[in-house]
Amino acid sequence: MSEIAHLAATIFKRAGKARRFVVAIAGPPGAGKSTLSARLHELLPEGAAEIVPMDGFHYDDAVLERRGLRARKGAPETFDFAGFETLLKRIRAAEPDIAIPLFDRSMEFSRAAASIIAADTKFILVEGNYL
């Protein structure tokens, strides 16, 4: 069994009968967070997992420009942490049909409500630099 498959099995086992189980995957840019999240998503039961990337909470480049932070994009102060915290609270509360933003790298901006966490989603894979 590969290390990632072992990790997925451990997540599945630890989740037990929990209605929702949140897994935080943190690391610096380029560390493989998105790759690991995608692989775990594939290995967990089909339809039971969603990936929630912190990148969806990047401030728009126009906001960063106005604040003089464009050159620091990716630094803690360039994210909407309050919005991210609110989302995590909603996830933990197992609210139904939670809209989440996703960062579109091809356009370099976040798309609001780009995905939905359904009420019956058990595994939430949260990935980001500052978890």
Foldseek 3Di string as FASTA:
>chain_A
DDPLLVVLVVQVVVLPPPQADEAEAADDPPPCLVVSQVVSQVNHPPPQEDEAEQVLFFAALVVCVVVVNNVVGQPPVRGPVVVVVVQVVCVVVLPAWDFHWDQDPVVGHIDTSPDTDGSRRHYYYYYDHPD
